[in-house]
Every structure is written in structure tokens, then in C-alpha cells.
Amino acid sequence: QAYGGARQIHWCELYLGEKAGRVYGGNYFPDETLEAIRELIVAIKGPLTTPVGGGFRSLNVSLRQALDLYACVRPVRYYAGVPSPMKEPEKVDVVIFRENTEDVYAGLEYESGTEDNVRLARFLRTEMGAEFFEDA
């Protein structure tokens, strides 16, 4: 028992996505769920289904932005006995940090050749040292 039994986990089901739509009459992102997550501080989220069609954005992105969850932290390490294509997999022990509320996640895309696209490409080349084809 963790903490000598002094602490416990109290499980509760919160609704977001397709199941929330059924429970809350078509509301896939109920305020009640967001408020509960903020109050509880810790939540374990499974896969979410975002409805296909106009008027809906990704529920994952909406949740991340509402809770300011901008970092996607992915530890990568080798586990003995697990097949790997790497030559020395036991040397792999890294953490990948990825920002996950902007760019493609937020649906920000600039059509090639537009002023916004040109400005972004210039910034990436001059400020970030990016190299890519001129017509990218």
C-alpha cells in the first residue's frame, strides 16, 4: 500500500467526446467535465472521438488549450527482452518534448505562396536556421 494506506485513489468517470454527446444531449465538451478536471487536478484520459463534419475542432486540442497543457512529454527507453531494430538499444534513454497546442494541432495552416506563408518561411530560415525548398 502506498503511503502506508494513508492515501487512496477515488475513481470517477467524467464525460468528454462521443460518450459525453450521448449523456449531455449532443454536448461533446461539457463545462462540468472541464470544471471537474480542474478541481481534481489529476485525470487519466483515454482516446477521444471527435465528430466528423463542420463545426467541430479536435477535442484533444480543445482540452489541452483549456487546461494549458502545451507540453507533450514522451520518454523513450529500451526494455530488456523487447525486440528493437537498433544496434545497441540499451543505450537509448531520452525524453522528447513536443509543443502540442499550436501549428497543426491548432489547425493553423498557411497556403503556399500567401503572405503569411512567406513570412513564416522567412522566420524559419532566418531565425531558426531551417533549410527547405523554396516552394515548400
N, C-alpha and C. Protein backbone atom coordinates (compact mmCIF):
# COMPACT_ATOMS: atom_id res chain seq x y z
N GLN A 1 0.84 -1.20 0.00
CA GLN A 1 0.00 0.00 0.00
C GLN A 1 0.88 1.25 0.00
N ALA A 2 0.58 2.14 -0.91
CA ALA A 2 1.31 3.40 -0.99
C ALA A 2 0.98 4.28 0.20
N TYR A 3 1.95 4.98 0.70
CA TYR A 3 1.78 5.90 1.82
C TYR A 3 1.23 5.21 3.06
N GLY A 4 1.54 3.93 3.23
CA GLY A 4 1.07 3.20 4.40
C GLY A 4 -0.44 3.16 4.52
N GLY A 5 -1.13 3.26 3.40
CA GLY A 5 -2.59 3.23 3.42
C GLY A 5 -3.22 4.57 3.78
N ALA A 6 -2.38 5.61 3.98
CA ALA A 6 -2.90 6.92 4.38
C ALA A 6 -3.57 7.66 3.22
N ARG A 7 -3.30 7.23 1.99
CA ARG A 7 -3.89 7.88 0.82
C ARG A 7 -4.61 6.84 -0.03
N GLN A 8 -5.63 7.29 -0.71
CA GLN A 8 -6.40 6.39 -1.55
C GLN A 8 -6.71 7.06 -2.89
N ILE A 9 -7.01 6.23 -3.84
CA ILE A 9 -7.47 6.74 -5.14
C ILE A 9 -8.97 6.58 -5.19
N HIS A 10 -9.64 7.67 -5.50
CA HIS A 10 -11.10 7.64 -5.67
C HIS A 10 -11.38 7.84 -7.16
N TRP A 11 -11.86 6.82 -7.81
CA TRP A 11 -12.11 6.87 -9.24
C TRP A 11 -13.49 7.47 -9.52
N CYS A 12 -13.55 8.30 -10.55
CA CYS A 12 -14.84 8.80 -11.01
C CYS A 12 -14.77 8.94 -12.53
N GLU A 13 -15.87 8.72 -13.19
CA GLU A 13 -15.91 8.81 -14.64
C GLU A 13 -16.41 10.19 -15.05
N LEU A 14 -15.63 10.83 -15.91
CA LEU A 14 -16.01 12.13 -16.47
C LEU A 14 -16.28 11.92 -17.96
N TYR A 15 -17.15 12.74 -18.50
CA TYR A 15 -17.58 12.54 -19.88
C TYR A 15 -17.03 13.62 -20.80
N LEU A 16 -16.39 13.16 -21.88
CA LEU A 16 -15.85 14.04 -22.90
C LEU A 16 -15.87 13.25 -24.20
N GLY A 17 -16.23 13.87 -25.28
CA GLY A 17 -16.24 13.16 -26.55
C GLY A 17 -17.57 12.49 -26.84
N GLU A 18 -17.50 11.37 -27.54
CA GLU A 18 -18.71 10.69 -28.02
C GLU A 18 -19.65 10.31 -26.88
N LYS A 19 -19.10 9.78 -25.78
CA LYS A 19 -19.96 9.39 -24.66
C LYS A 19 -20.61 10.62 -24.02
N ALA A 20 -19.87 11.71 -23.94
CA ALA A 20 -20.45 12.95 -23.41
C ALA A 20 -21.60 13.41 -24.29
N GLY A 21 -21.44 13.25 -25.60
CA GLY A 21 -22.50 13.62 -26.53
C GLY A 21 -23.79 12.87 -26.25
N ARG A 22 -23.66 11.60 -25.90
CA ARG A 22 -24.85 10.81 -25.57
C ARG A 22 -25.43 11.22 -24.22
N VAL A 23 -24.56 11.41 -23.24
CA VAL A 23 -25.02 11.72 -21.88
C VAL A 23 -25.55 13.16 -21.78
N TYR A 24 -24.90 14.10 -22.48
CA TYR A 24 -25.25 15.51 -22.37
C TYR A 24 -26.00 16.04 -23.59
N GLY A 25 -26.73 15.19 -24.25
CA GLY A 25 -27.59 15.64 -25.35
C GLY A 25 -26.88 16.32 -26.49
N GLY A 26 -25.77 15.76 -26.94
CA GLY A 26 -25.05 16.33 -28.08
C GLY A 26 -23.88 17.22 -27.71
N ASN A 27 -23.70 17.52 -26.43
CA ASN A 27 -22.57 18.35 -25.99
C ASN A 27 -21.35 17.44 -25.77
N TYR A 28 -20.38 17.54 -26.68
CA TYR A 28 -19.20 16.69 -26.62
C TYR A 28 -18.14 17.21 -25.65
N PHE A 29 -18.26 18.44 -25.20
CA PHE A 29 -17.26 19.05 -24.31
C PHE A 29 -17.99 19.81 -23.21
N PRO A 30 -18.62 19.09 -22.26
CA PRO A 30 -19.39 19.77 -21.21
C PRO A 30 -18.51 20.56 -20.25
N ASP A 31 -18.96 21.75 -19.87
CA ASP A 31 -18.24 22.58 -18.90
C ASP A 31 -18.05 21.83 -17.59
N GLU A 32 -19.03 21.03 -17.22
CA GLU A 32 -18.97 20.26 -15.97
C GLU A 32 -17.72 19.36 -15.93
N THR A 33 -17.38 18.77 -17.05
CA THR A 33 -16.21 17.90 -17.13
C THR A 33 -14.93 18.70 -16.94
N LEU A 34 -14.84 19.83 -17.63
CA LEU A 34 -13.66 20.68 -17.52
C LEU A 34 -13.49 21.18 -16.08
N GLU A 35 -14.56 21.60 -15.46
CA GLU A 35 -14.51 22.07 -14.07
C GLU A 35 -14.07 20.95 -13.14
N ALA A 36 -14.56 19.73 -13.37
CA ALA A 36 -14.19 18.59 -12.52
C ALA A 36 -12.70 18.28 -12.65
N ILE A 37 -12.16 18.32 -13.87
CA ILE A 37 -10.73 18.06 -14.07
C ILE A 37 -9.90 19.11 -13.35
N ARG A 38 -10.30 20.36 -13.44
CA ARG A 38 -9.57 21.43 -12.74
C ARG A 38 -9.60 21.21 -11.23
N GLU A 39 -10.73 20.79 -10.71
CA GLU A 39 -10.87 20.58 -9.27
C GLU A 39 -10.08 19.35 -8.81
N LEU A 40 -10.11 18.29 -9.59
CA LEU A 40 -9.45 17.05 -9.21
C LEU A 40 -7.93 17.09 -9.39
N ILE A 41 -7.45 17.93 -10.25
CA ILE A 41 -6.04 18.14 -10.56
C ILE A 41 -5.44 17.02 -11.41
N VAL A 42 -5.79 15.77 -11.14
CA VAL A 42 -5.24 14.64 -11.89
C VAL A 42 -6.36 13.96 -12.66
N ALA A 43 -6.10 13.64 -13.92
CA ALA A 43 -7.07 12.93 -14.74
C ALA A 43 -6.33 11.98 -15.68
N ILE A 44 -6.91 10.83 -15.90
CA ILE A 44 -6.38 9.88 -16.88
C ILE A 44 -7.36 9.88 -18.05
N LYS A 45 -6.84 10.24 -19.23
CA LYS A 45 -7.70 10.39 -20.40
C LYS A 45 -7.41 9.28 -21.40
N GLY A 46 -8.46 8.68 -21.89
CA GLY A 46 -8.34 7.69 -22.96
C GLY A 46 -8.55 8.36 -24.30
N PRO A 47 -8.63 7.58 -25.37
CA PRO A 47 -8.85 8.14 -26.70
C PRO A 47 -10.20 8.86 -26.78
N LEU A 48 -10.22 9.95 -27.53
CA LEU A 48 -11.45 10.72 -27.72
C LEU A 48 -11.86 10.67 -29.18
N THR A 49 -13.14 10.58 -29.42
CA THR A 49 -13.67 10.62 -30.78
C THR A 49 -14.21 12.01 -31.04
N THR A 50 -13.63 12.69 -32.03
CA THR A 50 -14.14 14.00 -32.43
C THR A 50 -15.10 13.78 -33.59
N PRO A 51 -16.31 14.32 -33.51
CA PRO A 51 -17.28 14.11 -34.58
C PRO A 51 -16.76 14.61 -35.92
N VAL A 52 -17.08 13.89 -36.98
CA VAL A 52 -16.67 14.28 -38.33
C VAL A 52 -17.68 15.28 -38.85
N GLY A 53 -17.18 16.30 -39.54
CA GLY A 53 -18.08 17.30 -40.12
C GLY A 53 -17.71 18.68 -39.64
N GLY A 54 -18.37 19.66 -40.16
CA GLY A 54 -18.09 21.05 -39.82
C GLY A 54 -18.54 21.40 -38.43
N GLY A 55 -17.91 22.44 -37.90
CA GLY A 55 -18.33 22.96 -36.61
C GLY A 55 -17.64 22.33 -35.41
N PHE A 56 -16.82 21.30 -35.64
CA PHE A 56 -16.12 20.65 -34.54
C PHE A 56 -14.63 20.77 -34.74
N ARG A 57 -13.92 21.06 -33.67
CA ARG A 57 -12.46 21.01 -33.72
C ARG A 57 -12.04 19.84 -32.86
N SER A 58 -10.80 19.50 -32.88
CA SER A 58 -10.31 18.36 -32.11
C SER A 58 -10.59 18.54 -30.62
N LEU A 59 -11.21 17.55 -30.02
CA LEU A 59 -11.48 17.61 -28.58
C LEU A 59 -10.17 17.54 -27.79
N ASN A 60 -9.19 16.81 -28.31
CA ASN A 60 -7.89 16.75 -27.64
C ASN A 60 -7.25 18.13 -27.58
N VAL A 61 -7.27 18.83 -28.71
CA VAL A 61 -6.68 20.17 -28.75
C VAL A 61 -7.48 21.12 -27.85
N SER A 62 -8.79 21.04 -27.89
CA SER A 62 -9.63 21.90 -27.04
C SER A 62 -9.31 21.68 -25.57
N LEU A 63 -9.17 20.42 -25.18
CA LEU A 63 -8.86 20.10 -23.78
C LEU A 63 -7.48 20.61 -23.41
N ARG A 64 -6.50 20.40 -24.27
CA ARG A 64 -5.13 20.87 -24.00
C ARG A 64 -5.11 22.39 -23.84
N GLN A 65 -5.79 23.09 -24.73
CA GLN A 65 -5.78 24.55 -24.66
C GLN A 65 -6.52 25.05 -23.43
N ALA A 66 -7.63 24.43 -23.10
CA ALA A 66 -8.42 24.86 -21.94
C ALA A 66 -7.64 24.69 -20.64
N LEU A 67 -6.80 23.66 -20.58
CA LEU A 67 -6.04 23.38 -19.36
C LEU A 67 -4.59 23.81 -19.45
N ASP A 68 -4.22 24.48 -20.53
CA ASP A 68 -2.85 24.96 -20.77
C ASP A 68 -1.85 23.81 -20.71
N LEU A 69 -2.21 22.71 -21.34
CA LEU A 69 -1.34 21.53 -21.40
C LEU A 69 -0.58 21.57 -22.72
N TYR A 70 0.48 22.36 -22.76
CA TYR A 70 1.17 22.60 -24.01
C TYR A 70 2.29 21.61 -24.28
N ALA A 71 2.78 20.89 -23.28
CA ALA A 71 3.93 20.02 -23.47
C ALA A 71 3.51 18.56 -23.62
N CYS A 72 3.99 17.95 -24.67
CA CYS A 72 3.82 16.51 -24.87
C CYS A 72 5.16 15.89 -24.51
N VAL A 73 5.23 15.21 -23.40
CA VAL A 73 6.48 14.64 -22.90
C VAL A 73 6.46 13.14 -23.17
N ARG A 74 7.42 12.67 -23.95
CA ARG A 74 7.46 11.26 -24.34
C ARG A 74 8.81 10.64 -23.95
N PRO A 75 8.86 9.92 -22.84
CA PRO A 75 10.10 9.21 -22.50
C PRO A 75 10.29 8.02 -23.45
N VAL A 76 11.51 7.82 -23.89
CA VAL A 76 11.83 6.72 -24.80
C VAL A 76 13.02 5.97 -24.21
N ARG A 77 12.82 4.70 -23.90
CA ARG A 77 13.92 3.89 -23.39
C ARG A 77 13.72 2.45 -23.80
N TYR A 78 14.79 1.70 -23.69
CA TYR A 78 14.75 0.29 -24.06
C TYR A 78 14.38 -0.56 -22.86
N TYR A 79 13.55 -1.56 -23.11
CA TYR A 79 13.20 -2.55 -22.09
C TYR A 79 13.80 -3.88 -22.52
N ALA A 80 14.62 -4.45 -21.65
CA ALA A 80 15.30 -5.72 -21.95
C ALA A 80 14.29 -6.77 -22.40
N GLY A 81 14.66 -7.47 -23.46
CA GLY A 81 13.80 -8.53 -23.97
C GLY A 81 12.82 -8.11 -25.04
N VAL A 82 12.66 -6.80 -25.24
CA VAL A 82 11.73 -6.31 -26.26
C VAL A 82 12.51 -6.14 -27.56
N PRO A 83 12.05 -6.74 -28.65
CA PRO A 83 12.78 -6.63 -29.93
C PRO A 83 12.94 -5.16 -30.35
N SER A 84 14.10 -4.85 -30.92
CA SER A 84 14.37 -3.49 -31.36
C SER A 84 15.18 -3.52 -32.65
N PRO A 85 14.92 -2.60 -33.58
CA PRO A 85 15.70 -2.54 -34.81
C PRO A 85 17.05 -1.85 -34.60
N MET A 86 17.30 -1.33 -33.41
CA MET A 86 18.53 -0.58 -33.15
C MET A 86 19.69 -1.52 -32.85
N LYS A 87 20.90 -1.05 -33.16
CA LYS A 87 22.10 -1.85 -32.95
C LYS A 87 22.41 -2.02 -31.47
N GLU A 88 22.30 -0.95 -30.70
CA GLU A 88 22.55 -1.00 -29.25
C GLU A 88 21.38 -0.33 -28.51
N PRO A 89 20.23 -0.98 -28.48
CA PRO A 89 19.04 -0.35 -27.90
C PRO A 89 19.17 -0.04 -26.41
N GLU A 90 20.02 -0.76 -25.71
CA GLU A 90 20.19 -0.49 -24.28
C GLU A 90 20.77 0.89 -24.00
N LYS A 91 21.32 1.54 -25.02
CA LYS A 91 21.87 2.89 -24.87
C LYS A 91 20.81 3.98 -25.06
N VAL A 92 19.61 3.59 -25.43
CA VAL A 92 18.54 4.56 -25.66
C VAL A 92 17.84 4.89 -24.35
N ASP A 93 17.89 6.15 -23.98
CA ASP A 93 17.19 6.65 -22.79
C ASP A 93 17.06 8.16 -22.96
N VAL A 94 16.02 8.59 -23.66
CA VAL A 94 15.82 10.01 -23.96
C VAL A 94 14.40 10.43 -23.62
N VAL A 95 14.21 11.73 -23.53
CA VAL A 95 12.88 12.28 -23.33
C VAL A 95 12.65 13.29 -24.45
N ILE A 96 11.55 13.12 -25.17
CA ILE A 96 11.20 14.03 -26.25
C ILE A 96 10.12 14.99 -25.74
N PHE A 97 10.38 16.29 -25.88
CA PHE A 97 9.42 17.32 -25.51
C PHE A 97 8.88 17.92 -26.80
N ARG A 98 7.57 17.96 -26.93
CA ARG A 98 6.96 18.50 -28.14
C ARG A 98 5.81 19.41 -27.75
N GLU A 99 5.77 20.58 -28.35
CA GLU A 99 4.67 21.52 -28.10
C GLU A 99 3.45 21.01 -28.86
N ASN A 100 2.30 20.93 -28.19
CA ASN A 100 1.17 20.30 -28.86
C ASN A 100 -0.14 21.08 -28.79
N THR A 101 -0.06 22.40 -28.81
CA THR A 101 -1.30 23.18 -28.88
C THR A 101 -1.30 24.16 -30.05
N GLU A 102 -0.20 24.25 -30.77
CA GLU A 102 -0.14 25.19 -31.89
C GLU A 102 0.06 24.44 -33.19
N ASP A 103 0.32 25.17 -34.25
CA ASP A 103 0.62 24.63 -35.56
C ASP A 103 -0.49 23.69 -36.02
N VAL A 104 -0.14 22.49 -36.44
CA VAL A 104 -1.12 21.55 -37.00
C VAL A 104 -2.17 21.17 -35.96
N TYR A 105 -1.76 21.04 -34.68
CA TYR A 105 -2.72 20.68 -33.64
C TYR A 105 -3.83 21.71 -33.52
N ALA A 106 -3.50 22.96 -33.75
CA ALA A 106 -4.50 24.02 -33.63
C ALA A 106 -5.20 24.30 -34.96
N GLY A 107 -4.81 23.59 -35.99
CA GLY A 107 -5.42 23.80 -37.30
C GLY A 107 -4.88 25.03 -38.00
N LEU A 108 -3.66 25.47 -37.64
CA LEU A 108 -3.05 26.63 -38.28
C LEU A 108 -2.26 26.16 -39.50
N GLU A 109 -2.73 26.48 -40.65
CA GLU A 109 -2.03 26.12 -41.88
C GLU A 109 -2.06 27.32 -42.81
N TYR A 110 -0.93 27.53 -43.50
CA TYR A 110 -0.85 28.65 -44.43
C TYR A 110 -0.69 28.11 -45.85
N GLU A 111 -1.56 28.53 -46.74
CA GLU A 111 -1.49 28.09 -48.12
C GLU A 111 -0.20 28.59 -48.75
N SER A 112 0.43 27.73 -49.54
CA SER A 112 1.69 28.06 -50.19
C SER A 112 1.56 29.34 -51.02
N GLY A 113 2.55 30.22 -50.87
CA GLY A 113 2.58 31.45 -51.65
C GLY A 113 1.86 32.63 -51.04
N THR A 114 1.08 32.42 -49.98
CA THR A 114 0.38 33.54 -49.35
C THR A 114 1.36 34.37 -48.53
N GLU A 115 0.97 35.58 -48.21
CA GLU A 115 1.83 36.46 -47.42
C GLU A 115 2.20 35.83 -46.07
N ASP A 116 1.23 35.20 -45.41
CA ASP A 116 1.50 34.55 -44.13
C ASP A 116 2.50 33.41 -44.29
N ASN A 117 2.37 32.63 -45.37
CA ASN A 117 3.27 31.52 -45.62
C ASN A 117 4.69 32.03 -45.86
N VAL A 118 4.83 33.07 -46.66
CA VAL A 118 6.14 33.65 -46.96
C VAL A 118 6.79 34.19 -45.69
N ARG A 119 6.01 34.89 -44.86
CA ARG A 119 6.53 35.45 -43.61
C ARG A 119 6.99 34.33 -42.67
N LEU A 120 6.22 33.25 -42.58
CA LEU A 120 6.59 32.12 -41.73
C LEU A 120 7.86 31.46 -42.25
N ALA A 121 7.94 31.24 -43.55
CA ALA A 121 9.13 30.61 -44.14
C ALA A 121 10.37 31.46 -43.89
N ARG A 122 10.24 32.78 -44.03
CA ARG A 122 11.36 33.69 -43.79
C ARG A 122 11.83 33.59 -42.34
N PHE A 123 10.89 33.57 -41.41
CA PHE A 123 11.21 33.44 -39.98
C PHE A 123 11.94 32.12 -39.72
N LEU A 124 11.42 31.04 -40.26
CA LEU A 124 12.04 29.73 -40.03
C LEU A 124 13.46 29.67 -40.58
N ARG A 125 13.68 30.31 -41.72
CA ARG A 125 15.03 30.31 -42.31
C ARG A 125 15.99 31.21 -41.53
N THR A 126 15.58 32.44 -41.29
CA THR A 126 16.50 33.42 -40.69
C THR A 126 16.66 33.27 -39.19
N GLU A 127 15.60 32.98 -38.49
CA GLU A 127 15.67 32.91 -37.03
C GLU A 127 15.94 31.51 -36.49
N MET A 128 15.46 30.50 -37.21
CA MET A 128 15.58 29.13 -36.71
C MET A 128 16.60 28.29 -37.49
N GLY A 129 17.12 28.85 -38.58
CA GLY A 129 18.12 28.13 -39.37
C GLY A 129 17.56 26.97 -40.18
N ALA A 130 16.27 26.98 -40.43
CA ALA A 130 15.64 25.88 -41.17
C ALA A 130 16.05 25.92 -42.64
N GLU A 131 16.19 24.75 -43.23
CA GLU A 131 16.50 24.64 -44.64
C GLU A 131 15.43 23.79 -45.31
N PHE A 132 14.80 24.34 -46.34
CA PHE A 132 13.81 23.59 -47.10
C PHE A 132 13.67 24.22 -48.46
N PHE A 133 13.00 23.52 -49.38
CA PHE A 133 12.86 24.02 -50.74
C PHE A 133 12.12 25.34 -50.77
N GLU A 134 12.45 26.15 -51.76
CA GLU A 134 11.86 27.48 -51.89
C GLU A 134 10.34 27.43 -52.03
N ASP A 135 9.82 26.40 -52.69
CA ASP A 135 8.38 26.34 -52.92
C ASP A 135 7.64 25.54 -51.84
N ALA A 136 8.30 25.27 -50.74
CA ALA A 136 7.66 24.49 -49.66
C ALA A 136 6.67 25.32 -48.91
